[in-house]
């Protein structure tokens, strides 16, 4: 799970942001706001409990908070938690603005490919390499015994040749949320993080740091 869970508004939307330093997730939702607020940081354990409670709940949720506590009210449930007294990093500064190379691929097929190929890797990060060129993406992984796993998929790609490494688990976590349909990877020509988006989650942005070769 992420280490930081930040809730704030921009005057128009309620924004939820989570990060662990290697990846970031941002979601914006509309809601009735009394006023704009700078933000609160919710403990990881509390977010986990809230997620379980709201898993099968589809109605509105009322949120009240002070500088030290947050209260969620929904149905017959009231959930109260302490808040973390800290400053959240300036996450907007790490979201790239010029990732102009985009790969579009089927979510389910890509997830299954990464899962199969990454089992070859012996390291705990399950490192995978994407090599993208001329409408195809080759996913590779390497074991300490010189074993190699590789598969190639057809993709839509509007950039030049790319070779980039990722933690397979981070990619699979995002694809596991999106589940189906097309997913877009926005790459940078430099070493900036990769942005992942999907039409199924139009209000969400996922950010993943690339790994060194």
Foldseek 3Di string as FASTA:
>chain_A
DFAKWKWFDPFAWIKIKTHNPFKIKIFTDGDDDPGGDDIFIAGPVLVVVVCVVCVPPDDDWDWDDDNFKIWIDDDPDIDMDTTDPDDDDPVVVQPDDPLAKKKKDWLQVVLVLLVVQLVQDPDPLSKWKWWDADQKTKIWHAYPVRDIGIDMDGIDIDDHIDIFMFRSVLSNVVSVVVVGDMKMWRHDPDQGWIWIDDPSRNRMIMTGGTDDD
